[in-house]
């Protein structure tokens, strides 16, 4: 039976896409060290990122853009990105396990598992693909806009990030409906 694990990265940040991944692992080609991506070092996540892509039977990474997040809201945008990830797998799973408390609208059997990234290896693998992809996006943004410090805070509303936003302004890829962004935009009008 093919089981896909699905997880997301980037619901809380003020900028960029929410990234999701879906992974079907190969039971005959196990990957050592899979865990919730937040419990792994950046170096270990990078190593596992490559290994998952090599060894998984199928994997897919999808996202919902900052425009879609503003249009739909973060929950609905995350569900859309998860649906995209599952639907672009090269193998159709018999079961989809989602990290969290709800499933996207899929035509497949689906179960939501709270804390699933620590309980099911396929969700752990998806969590790693999503987190590393999102981190790479923030590193690329950091090269373009080093004054914001994206490589350090990954877009989360840290004190340093909020201060940078006040000094340097709101970039086009900020999520306009997130409160700190909305407040700064209102102040600048």
C-alpha atoms as a PDB file:
ATOM      1  CA  UNK A   1       0.000   0.000   0.000  1.00  0.00           C
ATOM      2  CA  UNK A   2       1.343   3.412  -0.954  1.00  0.00           C
ATOM      3  CA  UNK A   3       1.094   5.966   1.861  1.00  0.00           C
ATOM      4  CA  UNK A   4       1.930   9.603   1.206  1.00  0.00           C
ATOM      5  CA  UNK A   5       3.007  11.871   4.028  1.00  0.00           C
ATOM      6  CA  UNK A   6       2.274  15.577   3.681  1.00  0.00           C
ATOM      7  CA  UNK A   7       3.502  18.596   5.650  1.00  0.00           C
ATOM      8  CA  UNK A   8       4.019  22.318   5.217  1.00  0.00           C
ATOM      9  CA  UNK A   9       6.527  25.017   6.089  1.00  0.00           C
ATOM     10  CA  UNK A  10       6.004  28.743   6.269  1.00  0.00           C
ATOM     11  CA  UNK A  11       2.561  29.392   7.721  1.00  0.00           C
ATOM     12  CA  UNK A  12       3.806  31.921  10.267  1.00  0.00           C
ATOM     13  CA  UNK A  13       6.242  34.084   8.256  1.00  0.00           C
ATOM     14  CA  UNK A  14       5.231  37.491   6.956  1.00  0.00           C
ATOM     15  CA  UNK A  15       6.666  36.988   3.481  1.00  0.00           C
ATOM     16  CA  UNK A  16       6.738  34.522   0.617  1.00  0.00           C
ATOM     17  CA  UNK A  17       4.903  31.316  -0.194  1.00  0.00           C
ATOM     18  CA  UNK A  18       3.710  28.532   2.060  1.00  0.00           C
ATOM     19  CA  UNK A  19       5.552  25.401   0.900  1.00  0.00           C
ATOM     20  CA  UNK A  20       4.203  21.858   1.124  1.00  0.00           C
ATOM     21  CA  UNK A  21       5.623  18.467   0.275  1.00  0.00           C
ATOM     22  CA  UNK A  22       4.189  15.003  -0.267  1.00  0.00           C
ATOM     23  CA  UNK A  23       6.402  11.914   0.021  1.00  0.00           C
ATOM     24  CA  UNK A  24       5.881   8.188  -0.554  1.00  0.00           C
ATOM     25  CA  UNK A  25       8.803   6.337   1.009  1.00  0.00           C
ATOM     26  CA  UNK A  26      10.240   3.058  -0.245  1.00  0.00           C
ATOM     27  CA  UNK A  27       9.936   0.435   2.538  1.00  0.00           C
ATOM     28  CA  UNK A  28      12.787  -1.491   0.884  1.00  0.00           C
ATOM     29  CA  UNK A  29      15.128   1.511   0.942  1.00  0.00           C
ATOM     30  CA  UNK A  30      14.839   3.033   4.444  1.00  0.00           C
ATOM     31  CA  UNK A  31      16.206   6.450   5.361  1.00  0.00           C
ATOM     32  CA  UNK A  32      17.930   6.712   8.737  1.00  0.00           C
ATOM     33  CA  UNK A  33      17.387   9.725  10.973  1.00  0.00           C
ATOM     34  CA  UNK A  34      14.003  10.960   9.750  1.00  0.00           C
ATOM     35  CA  UNK A  35      12.304  13.184  12.321  1.00  0.00           C
ATOM     36  CA  UNK A  36      10.258  16.338  12.632  1.00  0.00           C
ATOM     37  CA  UNK A  37      12.294  18.898  10.647  1.00  0.00           C
ATOM     38  CA  UNK A  38      12.260  21.311  13.613  1.00  0.00           C
ATOM     39  CA  UNK A  39      14.127  18.731  15.721  1.00  0.00           C
ATOM     40  CA  UNK A  40      16.999  18.409  13.215  1.00  0.00           C
ATOM     41  CA  UNK A  41      19.977  20.673  12.593  1.00  0.00           C
ATOM     42  CA  UNK A  42      20.070  22.620   9.334  1.00  0.00           C
ATOM     43  CA  UNK A  43      23.010  20.465   8.190  1.00  0.00           C
ATOM     44  CA  UNK A  44      21.141  17.218   8.915  1.00  0.00           C
ATOM     45  CA  UNK A  45      18.013  18.516   7.137  1.00  0.00           C
ATOM     46  CA  UNK A  46      20.106  19.327   4.044  1.00  0.00           C
ATOM     47  CA  UNK A  47      21.600  15.803   4.025  1.00  0.00           C
ATOM     48  CA  UNK A  48      18.185  14.178   4.446  1.00  0.00           C
ATOM     49  CA  UNK A  49      16.668  16.484   1.799  1.00  0.00           C
ATOM     50  CA  UNK A  50      18.984  14.973  -0.825  1.00  0.00           C
ATOM     51  CA  UNK A  51      18.568  11.420   0.468  1.00  0.00           C
ATOM     52  CA  UNK A  52      14.756  11.635   0.466  1.00  0.00           C
ATOM     53  CA  UNK A  53      14.781  12.869  -3.141  1.00  0.00           C
ATOM     54  CA  UNK A  54      17.045   9.952  -4.125  1.00  0.00           C
ATOM     55  CA  UNK A  55      15.361   7.136  -2.190  1.00  0.00           C
ATOM     56  CA  UNK A  56      11.635   7.970  -2.038  1.00  0.00           C
ATOM     57  CA  UNK A  57       9.348   6.146  -4.455  1.00  0.00           C
ATOM     58  CA  UNK A  58       7.736   9.498  -5.213  1.00  0.00           C
ATOM     59  CA  UNK A  59       7.958  13.059  -3.883  1.00  0.00           C
ATOM     60  CA  UNK A  60       6.504  16.401  -4.804  1.00  0.00           C
ATOM     61  CA  UNK A  61       6.940  19.968  -3.584  1.00  0.00           C
ATOM     62  CA  UNK A  62       4.239  22.578  -4.124  1.00  0.00           C
ATOM     63  CA  UNK A  63       3.352  25.994  -2.795  1.00  0.00           C
ATOM     64  CA  UNK A  64       0.726  28.669  -2.539  1.00  0.00           C
ATOM     65  CA  UNK A  65       2.001  32.163  -3.280  1.00  0.00           C
ATOM     66  CA  UNK A  66       1.790  35.220  -1.065  1.00  0.00           C
ATOM     67  CA  UNK A  67      -1.001  36.488  -3.363  1.00  0.00           C
ATOM     68  CA  UNK A  68      -2.971  33.267  -2.837  1.00  0.00           C
ATOM     69  CA  UNK A  69      -2.409  33.514   0.930  1.00  0.00           C
ATOM     70  CA  UNK A  70      -3.795  37.078   0.907  1.00  0.00           C
ATOM     71  CA  UNK A  71      -6.707  36.063  -1.299  1.00  0.00           C
ATOM     72  CA  UNK A  72      -7.721  32.829   0.466  1.00  0.00           C
ATOM     73  CA  UNK A  73      -6.203  33.072   4.016  1.00  0.00           C
ATOM     74  CA  UNK A  74      -3.263  31.002   5.249  1.00  0.00           C
ATOM     75  CA  UNK A  75      -5.274  27.894   6.153  1.00  0.00           C
ATOM     76  CA  UNK A  76      -7.012  27.641   2.769  1.00  0.00           C
ATOM     77  CA  UNK A  77      -3.770  28.463   0.919  1.00  0.00           C
ATOM     78  CA  UNK A  78      -1.990  25.692   2.862  1.00  0.00           C
ATOM     79  CA  UNK A  79      -4.753  23.220   1.970  1.00  0.00           C
ATOM     80  CA  UNK A  80      -4.456  24.264  -1.706  1.00  0.00           C
ATOM     81  CA  UNK A  81      -0.664  23.767  -1.650  1.00  0.00           C
ATOM     82  CA  UNK A  82      -1.065  20.345   0.020  1.00  0.00           C
ATOM     83  CA  UNK A  83      -3.599  19.314  -2.636  1.00  0.00           C
ATOM     84  CA  UNK A  84      -1.147  20.421  -5.349  1.00  0.00           C
ATOM     85  CA  UNK A  85       1.671  18.389  -3.764  1.00  0.00           C
ATOM     86  CA  UNK A  86      -0.433  15.212  -3.521  1.00  0.00           C
ATOM     87  CA  UNK A  87      -1.848  15.584  -7.039  1.00  0.00           C
ATOM     88  CA  UNK A  88       1.607  15.945  -8.595  1.00  0.00           C
ATOM     89  CA  UNK A  89       3.058  12.761  -7.079  1.00  0.00           C
ATOM     90  CA  UNK A  90       4.114  10.320  -9.801  1.00  0.00           C
ATOM     91  CA  UNK A  91       2.414   7.476  -7.871  1.00  0.00           C
ATOM     92  CA  UNK A  92      -1.170   7.691  -6.617  1.00  0.00           C
ATOM     93  CA  UNK A  93      -1.220   6.802  -2.898  1.00  0.00           C
ATOM     94  CA  UNK A  94      -3.967   4.677  -1.302  1.00  0.00           C
ATOM     95  CA  UNK A  95      -3.717   6.791   1.873  1.00  0.00           C
ATOM     96  CA  UNK A  96      -2.573  10.344   2.524  1.00  0.00           C
ATOM     97  CA  UNK A  97      -1.397  11.274   6.015  1.00  0.00           C
ATOM     98  CA  UNK A  98      -1.426  15.007   6.725  1.00  0.00           C
ATOM     99  CA  UNK A  99       0.450  16.597   9.602  1.00  0.00           C
ATOM    100  CA  UNK A 100      -2.154  18.598  11.514  1.00  0.00           C
ATOM    101  CA  UNK A 101      -5.824  18.513  12.366  1.00  0.00           C
ATOM    102  CA  UNK A 102      -7.478  18.676   8.926  1.00  0.00           C
ATOM    103  CA  UNK A 103      -7.166  17.299   5.433  1.00  0.00           C
ATOM    104  CA  UNK A 104      -7.303  19.183   2.156  1.00  0.00           C
ATOM    105  CA  UNK A 105     -10.080  18.382  -0.307  1.00  0.00           C
ATOM    106  CA  UNK A 106      -8.713  15.223  -1.923  1.00  0.00           C
ATOM    107  CA  UNK A 107     -10.356  12.393  -3.857  1.00  0.00           C
ATOM    108  CA  UNK A 108      -8.166   9.947  -1.879  1.00  0.00           C
ATOM    109  CA  UNK A 109      -8.398   8.416   1.594  1.00  0.00           C
ATOM    110  CA  UNK A 110      -6.896  10.954   3.968  1.00  0.00           C
ATOM    111  CA  UNK A 111      -6.175  11.164   7.677  1.00  0.00           C
ATOM    112  CA  UNK A 112      -5.016  14.155   9.692  1.00  0.00           C
ATOM    113  CA  UNK A 113      -2.426  13.313  12.351  1.00  0.00           C
ATOM    114  CA  UNK A 114      -1.622  15.908  14.999  1.00  0.00           C
ATOM    115  CA  UNK A 115       2.136  15.777  15.606  1.00  0.00           C
ATOM    116  CA  UNK A 116       2.420  13.427  12.632  1.00  0.00           C
ATOM    117  CA  UNK A 117       5.864  14.713  11.678  1.00  0.00           C
ATOM    118  CA  UNK A 118       7.214  12.992  14.812  1.00  0.00           C
ATOM    119  CA  UNK A 119       5.032   9.856  14.452  1.00  0.00           C
ATOM    120  CA  UNK A 120       5.163   8.839  10.774  1.00  0.00           C
ATOM    121  CA  UNK A 121       8.345   8.723   8.698  1.00  0.00           C
ATOM    122  CA  UNK A 122       6.582   9.726   5.487  1.00  0.00           C
ATOM    123  CA  UNK A 123       5.321  12.908   7.189  1.00  0.00           C
ATOM    124  CA  UNK A 124       8.799  13.531   8.645  1.00  0.00           C
ATOM    125  CA  UNK A 125      10.231  13.263   5.133  1.00  0.00           C
ATOM    126  CA  UNK A 126       7.617  15.710   3.788  1.00  0.00           C
ATOM    127  CA  UNK A 127       8.356  18.082   6.655  1.00  0.00           C
ATOM    128  CA  UNK A 128      12.069  18.071   5.732  1.00  0.00           C
ATOM    129  CA  UNK A 129      11.439  18.686   2.011  1.00  0.00           C
ATOM    130  CA  UNK A 130       9.050  21.553   2.769  1.00  0.00           C
ATOM    131  CA  UNK A 131      11.276  23.197   5.397  1.00  0.00           C
ATOM    132  CA  UNK A 132      14.498  22.996   3.367  1.00  0.00           C
ATOM    133  CA  UNK A 133      12.749  24.311   0.237  1.00  0.00           C
ATOM    134  CA  UNK A 134      11.256  27.230   2.181  1.00  0.00           C
ATOM    135  CA  UNK A 135      14.643  27.953   3.850  1.00  0.00           C
ATOM    136  CA  UNK A 136      16.304  27.998   0.413  1.00  0.00           C
ATOM    137  CA  UNK A 137      13.727  30.535  -0.767  1.00  0.00           C
ATOM    138  CA  UNK A 138      14.535  32.756   2.217  1.00  0.00           C
ATOM    139  CA  UNK A 139      18.288  32.423   1.547  1.00  0.00           C
ATOM    140  CA  UNK A 140      17.699  33.545  -2.050  1.00  0.00           C
ATOM    141  CA  UNK A 141      15.638  36.503  -0.803  1.00  0.00           C
ATOM    142  CA  UNK A 142      18.438  37.318   1.636  1.00  0.00           C
ATOM    143  CA  UNK A 143      20.895  37.637  -1.273  1.00  0.00           C
ATOM    144  CA  UNK A 144      18.561  40.091  -3.027  1.00  0.00           C
ATOM    145  CA  UNK A 145      17.640  42.045   0.122  1.00  0.00           C
ATOM    146  CA  UNK A 146      20.406  41.490   2.715  1.00  0.00           C
ATOM    147  CA  UNK A 147      19.236  44.416   4.857  1.00  0.00           C
ATOM    148  CA  UNK A 148      16.144  42.439   5.936  1.00  0.00           C
ATOM    149  CA  UNK A 149      18.049  39.444   7.378  1.00  0.00           C
ATOM    150  CA  UNK A 150      15.837  36.747   5.821  1.00  0.00           C
ATOM    151  CA  UNK A 151      18.517  34.032   6.167  1.00  0.00           C
ATOM    152  CA  UNK A 152      18.435  34.559   9.943  1.00  0.00           C
ATOM    153  CA  UNK A 153      14.703  34.834  10.716  1.00  0.00           C
ATOM    154  CA  UNK A 154      13.235  33.085   7.630  1.00  0.00           C
ATOM    155  CA  UNK A 155      10.531  35.729   7.393  1.00  0.00           C
ATOM    156  CA  UNK A 156       9.122  35.228  10.885  1.00  0.00           C
ATOM    157  CA  UNK A 157       8.084  38.394  12.757  1.00  0.00           C
ATOM    158  CA  UNK A 158      11.176  38.734  14.943  1.00  0.00           C
ATOM    159  CA  UNK A 159      12.127  42.084  16.487  1.00  0.00           C
ATOM    160  CA  UNK A 160      14.971  42.496  13.955  1.00  0.00           C
ATOM    161  CA  UNK A 161      12.670  41.689  11.044  1.00  0.00           C
ATOM    162  CA  UNK A 162       9.961  44.123  12.174  1.00  0.00           C
ATOM    163  CA  UNK A 163      12.603  46.839  12.592  1.00  0.00           C
ATOM    164  CA  UNK A 164      13.978  46.156   9.086  1.00  0.00           C
ATOM    165  CA  UNK A 165      10.456  46.400   7.669  1.00  0.00           C
ATOM    166  CA  UNK A 166      10.000  49.803   9.299  1.00  0.00           C
ATOM    167  CA  UNK A 167      13.327  51.087   7.961  1.00  0.00           C
ATOM    168  CA  UNK A 168      13.332  49.561   4.459  1.00  0.00           C
ATOM    169  CA  UNK A 169       9.633  49.158   3.743  1.00  0.00           C
ATOM    170  CA  UNK A 170       7.308  46.429   2.526  1.00  0.00           C
ATOM    171  CA  UNK A 171       8.550  44.309  -0.387  1.00  0.00           C
ATOM    172  CA  UNK A 172       6.087  43.083  -3.055  1.00  0.00           C
ATOM    173  CA  UNK A 173       6.225  39.495  -1.745  1.00  0.00           C
ATOM    174  CA  UNK A 174       5.025  40.364   1.778  1.00  0.00           C
ATOM    175  CA  UNK A 175       1.687  38.898   2.848  1.00  0.00           C
ATOM    176  CA  UNK A 176      -0.527  41.991   2.917  1.00  0.00           C
ATOM    177  CA  UNK A 177      -3.176  40.485   5.219  1.00  0.00           C
ATOM    178  CA  UNK A 178      -0.745  39.643   8.020  1.00  0.00           C
ATOM    179  CA  UNK A 179      -1.176  42.081  10.902  1.00  0.00           C
ATOM    180  CA  UNK A 180       2.385  43.553  11.133  1.00  0.00           C
ATOM    181  CA  UNK A 181       2.434  44.113   7.356  1.00  0.00           C
ATOM    182  CA  UNK A 182      -1.101  45.548   7.358  1.00  0.00           C
ATOM    183  CA  UNK A 183      -0.186  47.970  10.189  1.00  0.00           C
ATOM    184  CA  UNK A 184       2.956  49.206   8.397  1.00  0.00           C
ATOM    185  CA  UNK A 185       1.061  49.666   5.136  1.00  0.00           C
ATOM    186  CA  UNK A 186      -1.630  51.661   6.963  1.00  0.00           C
ATOM    187  CA  UNK A 187       1.043  53.873   8.602  1.00  0.00           C
ATOM    188  CA  UNK A 188       2.689  54.630   5.264  1.00  0.00           C
ATOM    189  CA  UNK A 189      -0.550  55.895   3.650  1.00  0.00           C
END
